[in-house]
């Protein structure tokens, strides 16, 4: 009888699937920071590599679907506001390269940790870890400003040239999340993104590393 009772208790414990309550849509916001590189390579230029610190603030929305008690899938869309900027000054000119917006789609595959916590006698926890990957786009603004100058006795007016483009690439990363009983959640992530574009025989790459923290609400 004791063995039977123990088996029944074990089966009941394994049957608890609190992750099912997470099935559905969620929204959230995140803040983070990291570094972004600007790498320029080409046959007709001197290769260069620069790095700047960045800050980002993002909104996310997605749908989570448990596939077993131990695993889940999710898809989400995000848009980031960032302050990435590279600049260079000469005697008569200033070059600015800015990225203020980035966005993309992510597929997540994760593992629920709470079944093992329950078996360890730790109670019910909505804890998960996950990997993410997906296409990533960044909106970059380039501007070169030349001030007024005199050459050979002739005066020239200042002028500026600008170019706005969307660069295409990918993003990968990993993270963890905890969902409270009131459907609010917290999450932390590491993300690596890279976009590139070749124009006029110059290849431009902007790899970035970012750590972020955020909150979510699960409907």
Foldseek 3Di string as FASTA:
>chain_A
DVVVVVVVVVVVLLPDQPCQVQFFKKKKKKKKKWKKKKWKDFDPDDTDIDMDIKIKIKIKMKGKAAPDSWKIKMKMKMKIAMFDWDWDDDPFKIKIKTWGMKIWMKIKIKTFPQSVCVVVVNDGWRKMKIKIKGKMKIKMKIKMKGDWDDDPNRTDHIDMDMDIDMWIWMKIWMKMKTADPQQKIKIKIKMWIKTWDADPRMIIMMIIIMIMIMMMGRD
